[in-house]
Amino acid sequence: MSTEEFWAALGVGQSAYEAVLAHPGVSGSAVLVDDRPTNLAAASATGFRPVLFHSEDTAANLVPGLEVTSARSMPELLEVLLATHTSAV
């Protein structure tokens, strides 16, 4: 699968993620939290550090082979984000 086919299959434009990372003040350790693995795969391929927040949509949008940090509650998400921030510094 070509890069173009990959982005088309996800239905997300790679340029959207690249634009965020190119914005002044956004570091190379930017984190994207989402409940859809498809969005996290696209963001990860662009350079984001993905974090999966489980919801009802998660199971319907699985990406085979995608391994990301995940959280199932807000307190757990906070712990993940703090650990992610600490490891990036």
N, C-alpha and C. Protein backbone atom coordinates (compact mmCIF):
# COMPACT_ATOMS: atom_id res chain seq x y z
N MET A 1 0.85 -1.17 0.00
CA MET A 1 0.00 0.00 0.00
C MET A 1 0.90 1.24 0.00
N SER A 2 0.62 2.16 -0.89
CA SER A 2 1.40 3.39 -0.95
C SER A 2 0.99 4.33 0.19
N THR A 3 1.80 5.35 0.41
CA THR A 3 1.48 6.33 1.46
C THR A 3 0.15 7.01 1.16
N GLU A 4 -0.06 7.35 -0.12
CA GLU A 4 -1.31 8.01 -0.51
C GLU A 4 -2.52 7.10 -0.25
N GLU A 5 -2.37 5.81 -0.56
CA GLU A 5 -3.46 4.85 -0.33
C GLU A 5 -3.73 4.70 1.17
N PHE A 6 -2.67 4.72 1.96
CA PHE A 6 -2.80 4.61 3.40
C PHE A 6 -3.67 5.74 3.95
N TRP A 7 -3.33 6.99 3.58
CA TRP A 7 -4.08 8.14 4.08
C TRP A 7 -5.50 8.14 3.56
N ALA A 8 -5.69 7.75 2.29
CA ALA A 8 -7.04 7.70 1.72
C ALA A 8 -7.89 6.66 2.45
N ALA A 9 -7.29 5.52 2.78
CA ALA A 9 -8.02 4.45 3.47
C ALA A 9 -8.46 4.91 4.86
N LEU A 10 -7.65 5.72 5.50
CA LEU A 10 -8.00 6.22 6.83
C LEU A 10 -9.03 7.34 6.77
N GLY A 11 -9.14 7.98 5.63
CA GLY A 11 -10.09 9.07 5.49
C GLY A 11 -9.63 10.34 6.19
N VAL A 12 -8.34 10.42 6.49
CA VAL A 12 -7.79 11.57 7.17
C VAL A 12 -6.63 12.10 6.33
N GLY A 13 -6.60 13.38 6.11
CA GLY A 13 -5.51 13.96 5.35
C GLY A 13 -4.26 14.10 6.20
N GLN A 14 -3.17 13.55 5.73
CA GLN A 14 -1.90 13.64 6.44
C GLN A 14 -1.53 15.10 6.66
N SER A 15 -1.91 15.95 5.75
CA SER A 15 -1.53 17.36 5.87
C SER A 15 -2.11 18.01 7.12
N ALA A 16 -3.25 17.52 7.60
CA ALA A 16 -3.83 18.08 8.82
C ALA A 16 -2.93 17.83 10.02
N TYR A 17 -2.40 16.64 10.13
CA TYR A 17 -1.50 16.31 11.24
C TYR A 17 -0.17 17.06 11.09
N GLU A 18 0.35 17.12 9.86
CA GLU A 18 1.60 17.83 9.61
C GLU A 18 1.47 19.31 9.94
N ALA A 19 0.31 19.90 9.65
CA ALA A 19 0.10 21.31 9.93
C ALA A 19 0.16 21.58 11.43
N VAL A 20 -0.40 20.69 12.22
CA VAL A 20 -0.35 20.87 13.68
C VAL A 20 1.09 20.79 14.17
N LEU A 21 1.84 19.80 13.70
CA LEU A 21 3.22 19.64 14.15
C LEU A 21 4.11 20.79 13.68
N ALA A 22 3.75 21.43 12.58
CA ALA A 22 4.54 22.54 12.05
C ALA A 22 4.23 23.87 12.73
N HIS A 23 3.18 23.90 13.51
CA HIS A 23 2.77 25.14 14.18
C HIS A 23 3.81 25.55 15.21
N PRO A 24 4.16 26.84 15.24
CA PRO A 24 5.14 27.31 16.24
C PRO A 24 4.67 26.96 17.66
N GLY A 25 5.57 26.48 18.45
CA GLY A 25 5.25 26.16 19.83
C GLY A 25 4.88 24.70 20.07
N VAL A 26 4.66 23.94 19.00
CA VAL A 26 4.34 22.52 19.15
C VAL A 26 5.65 21.75 19.06
N SER A 27 5.94 21.01 20.09
CA SER A 27 7.21 20.29 20.13
C SER A 27 7.13 18.97 19.38
N GLY A 28 8.27 18.35 19.19
CA GLY A 28 8.34 17.06 18.53
C GLY A 28 7.78 15.94 19.37
N SER A 29 7.39 16.23 20.60
CA SER A 29 6.83 15.19 21.46
C SER A 29 5.33 15.42 21.67
N ALA A 30 4.66 15.95 20.66
CA ALA A 30 3.22 16.21 20.77
C ALA A 30 2.46 14.90 20.94
N VAL A 31 1.44 14.93 21.80
CA VAL A 31 0.63 13.75 22.10
C VAL A 31 -0.76 13.96 21.51
N LEU A 32 -1.31 12.92 20.90
CA LEU A 32 -2.69 12.96 20.43
C LEU A 32 -3.47 11.90 21.19
N VAL A 33 -4.53 12.32 21.88
CA VAL A 33 -5.42 11.41 22.59
C VAL A 33 -6.68 11.29 21.76
N ASP A 34 -7.08 10.06 21.45
CA ASP A 34 -8.27 9.82 20.64
C ASP A 34 -8.85 8.47 21.01
N ASP A 35 -10.14 8.29 20.72
CA ASP A 35 -10.77 7.01 21.01
C ASP A 35 -10.84 6.11 19.78
N ARG A 36 -10.33 6.59 18.65
CA ARG A 36 -10.35 5.79 17.42
C ARG A 36 -8.93 5.43 17.00
N PRO A 37 -8.61 4.13 17.02
CA PRO A 37 -7.27 3.71 16.61
C PRO A 37 -6.91 4.15 15.19
N THR A 38 -7.89 4.27 14.31
CA THR A 38 -7.58 4.73 12.95
C THR A 38 -6.97 6.12 12.97
N ASN A 39 -7.50 7.01 13.79
CA ASN A 39 -6.94 8.36 13.90
C ASN A 39 -5.55 8.33 14.53
N LEU A 40 -5.36 7.45 15.50
CA LEU A 40 -4.07 7.35 16.16
C LEU A 40 -3.00 6.80 15.22
N ALA A 41 -3.37 5.88 14.34
CA ALA A 41 -2.41 5.34 13.37
C ALA A 41 -1.93 6.46 12.44
N ALA A 42 -2.84 7.29 11.98
CA ALA A 42 -2.48 8.40 11.10
C ALA A 42 -1.59 9.40 11.83
N ALA A 43 -1.96 9.73 13.05
CA ALA A 43 -1.18 10.69 13.82
C ALA A 43 0.21 10.14 14.15
N SER A 44 0.27 8.87 14.49
CA SER A 44 1.55 8.24 14.81
C SER A 44 2.48 8.25 13.60
N ALA A 45 1.93 7.96 12.43
CA ALA A 45 2.73 7.93 11.20
C ALA A 45 3.31 9.31 10.88
N THR A 46 2.69 10.35 11.39
CA THR A 46 3.14 11.71 11.13
C THR A 46 4.12 12.20 12.19
N GLY A 47 4.14 11.59 13.36
CA GLY A 47 5.09 11.98 14.39
C GLY A 47 4.51 12.25 15.76
N PHE A 48 3.20 12.13 15.90
CA PHE A 48 2.58 12.30 17.21
C PHE A 48 2.85 11.07 18.07
N ARG A 49 2.79 11.27 19.39
CA ARG A 49 2.82 10.16 20.34
C ARG A 49 1.36 9.84 20.65
N PRO A 50 0.85 8.69 20.19
CA PRO A 50 -0.57 8.39 20.34
C PRO A 50 -0.93 7.79 21.69
N VAL A 51 -2.11 8.18 22.19
CA VAL A 51 -2.68 7.60 23.41
C VAL A 51 -4.13 7.27 23.12
N LEU A 52 -4.50 6.03 23.32
CA LEU A 52 -5.87 5.57 23.07
C LEU A 52 -6.70 5.72 24.34
N PHE A 53 -7.81 6.46 24.23
CA PHE A 53 -8.77 6.57 25.32
C PHE A 53 -9.98 5.74 24.91
N HIS A 54 -10.19 4.62 25.59
CA HIS A 54 -11.23 3.67 25.20
C HIS A 54 -12.64 4.27 25.33
N SER A 55 -13.46 3.98 24.30
CA SER A 55 -14.86 4.39 24.30
C SER A 55 -15.66 3.35 23.52
N GLU A 56 -16.92 3.65 23.30
CA GLU A 56 -17.77 2.74 22.50
C GLU A 56 -17.28 2.65 21.06
N ASP A 57 -16.63 3.67 20.53
CA ASP A 57 -16.14 3.68 19.16
C ASP A 57 -14.85 2.90 18.95
N THR A 58 -14.13 2.63 20.01
CA THR A 58 -12.81 2.02 19.88
C THR A 58 -12.85 0.69 19.15
N ALA A 59 -13.69 -0.22 19.55
CA ALA A 59 -13.72 -1.55 18.96
C ALA A 59 -14.13 -1.54 17.49
N ALA A 60 -14.91 -0.56 17.08
CA ALA A 60 -15.37 -0.47 15.70
C ALA A 60 -14.32 0.12 14.77
N ASN A 61 -13.23 0.61 15.31
CA ASN A 61 -12.21 1.29 14.50
C ASN A 61 -10.81 0.75 14.76
N LEU A 62 -10.71 -0.55 14.97
CA LEU A 62 -9.41 -1.14 15.28
C LEU A 62 -8.47 -1.08 14.08
N VAL A 63 -7.18 -1.02 14.37
CA VAL A 63 -6.14 -1.06 13.35
C VAL A 63 -5.24 -2.24 13.72
N PRO A 64 -5.25 -3.31 12.91
CA PRO A 64 -4.42 -4.47 13.21
C PRO A 64 -2.95 -4.10 13.36
N GLY A 65 -2.34 -4.57 14.43
CA GLY A 65 -0.92 -4.34 14.66
C GLY A 65 -0.57 -3.01 15.32
N LEU A 66 -1.55 -2.14 15.51
CA LEU A 66 -1.26 -0.85 16.15
C LEU A 66 -1.13 -1.06 17.65
N GLU A 67 0.05 -0.69 18.17
CA GLU A 67 0.29 -0.80 19.61
C GLU A 67 0.52 0.60 20.16
N VAL A 68 -0.37 1.04 21.03
CA VAL A 68 -0.28 2.37 21.61
C VAL A 68 -0.58 2.30 23.09
N THR A 69 -0.14 3.29 23.82
CA THR A 69 -0.48 3.44 25.22
C THR A 69 -1.97 3.71 25.30
N SER A 70 -2.64 3.19 26.32
CA SER A 70 -4.08 3.41 26.40
C SER A 70 -4.52 3.69 27.82
N ALA A 71 -5.74 4.24 27.92
CA ALA A 71 -6.35 4.55 29.21
C ALA A 71 -7.84 4.28 29.10
N ARG A 72 -8.45 3.88 30.22
CA ARG A 72 -9.88 3.57 30.23
C ARG A 72 -10.69 4.51 31.13
N SER A 73 -10.01 5.42 31.82
CA SER A 73 -10.69 6.38 32.69
C SER A 73 -9.91 7.68 32.68
N MET A 74 -10.55 8.75 33.13
CA MET A 74 -9.87 10.04 33.17
C MET A 74 -8.68 10.03 34.13
N PRO A 75 -8.79 9.45 35.33
CA PRO A 75 -7.61 9.40 36.20
C PRO A 75 -6.45 8.62 35.56
N GLU A 76 -6.79 7.52 34.88
CA GLU A 76 -5.75 6.74 34.21
C GLU A 76 -5.13 7.55 33.06
N LEU A 77 -5.96 8.29 32.32
CA LEU A 77 -5.45 9.13 31.23
C LEU A 77 -4.49 10.18 31.78
N LEU A 78 -4.83 10.78 32.89
CA LEU A 78 -3.95 11.78 33.50
C LEU A 78 -2.60 11.16 33.85
N GLU A 79 -2.61 9.97 34.42
CA GLU A 79 -1.36 9.28 34.75
C GLU A 79 -0.53 9.03 33.49
N VAL A 80 -1.20 8.57 32.42
CA VAL A 80 -0.51 8.30 31.15
C VAL A 80 0.11 9.57 30.59
N LEU A 81 -0.67 10.66 30.60
CA LEU A 81 -0.16 11.92 30.05
C LEU A 81 1.01 12.46 30.87
N LEU A 82 0.91 12.35 32.18
CA LEU A 82 2.02 12.81 33.02
C LEU A 82 3.27 11.97 32.77
N ALA A 83 3.10 10.67 32.63
CA ALA A 83 4.25 9.79 32.35
C ALA A 83 4.81 10.08 30.96
N THR A 84 3.95 10.33 30.00
CA THR A 84 4.39 10.65 28.64
C THR A 84 5.17 11.95 28.62
N HIS A 85 4.67 12.95 29.35
CA HIS A 85 5.33 14.25 29.40
C HIS A 85 6.70 14.11 30.08
N THR A 86 6.74 13.37 31.17
CA THR A 86 7.97 13.20 31.92
C THR A 86 9.03 12.49 31.07
N SER A 87 8.63 11.47 30.31
CA SER A 87 9.59 10.73 29.49
C SER A 87 10.06 11.54 28.28
N ALA A 88 9.29 12.56 27.88
CA ALA A 88 9.66 13.38 26.73
C ALA A 88 10.62 14.50 27.11
N VAL A 89 10.69 14.81 28.40
CA VAL A 89 11.52 15.95 28.85
C VAL A 89 12.93 15.51 29.10
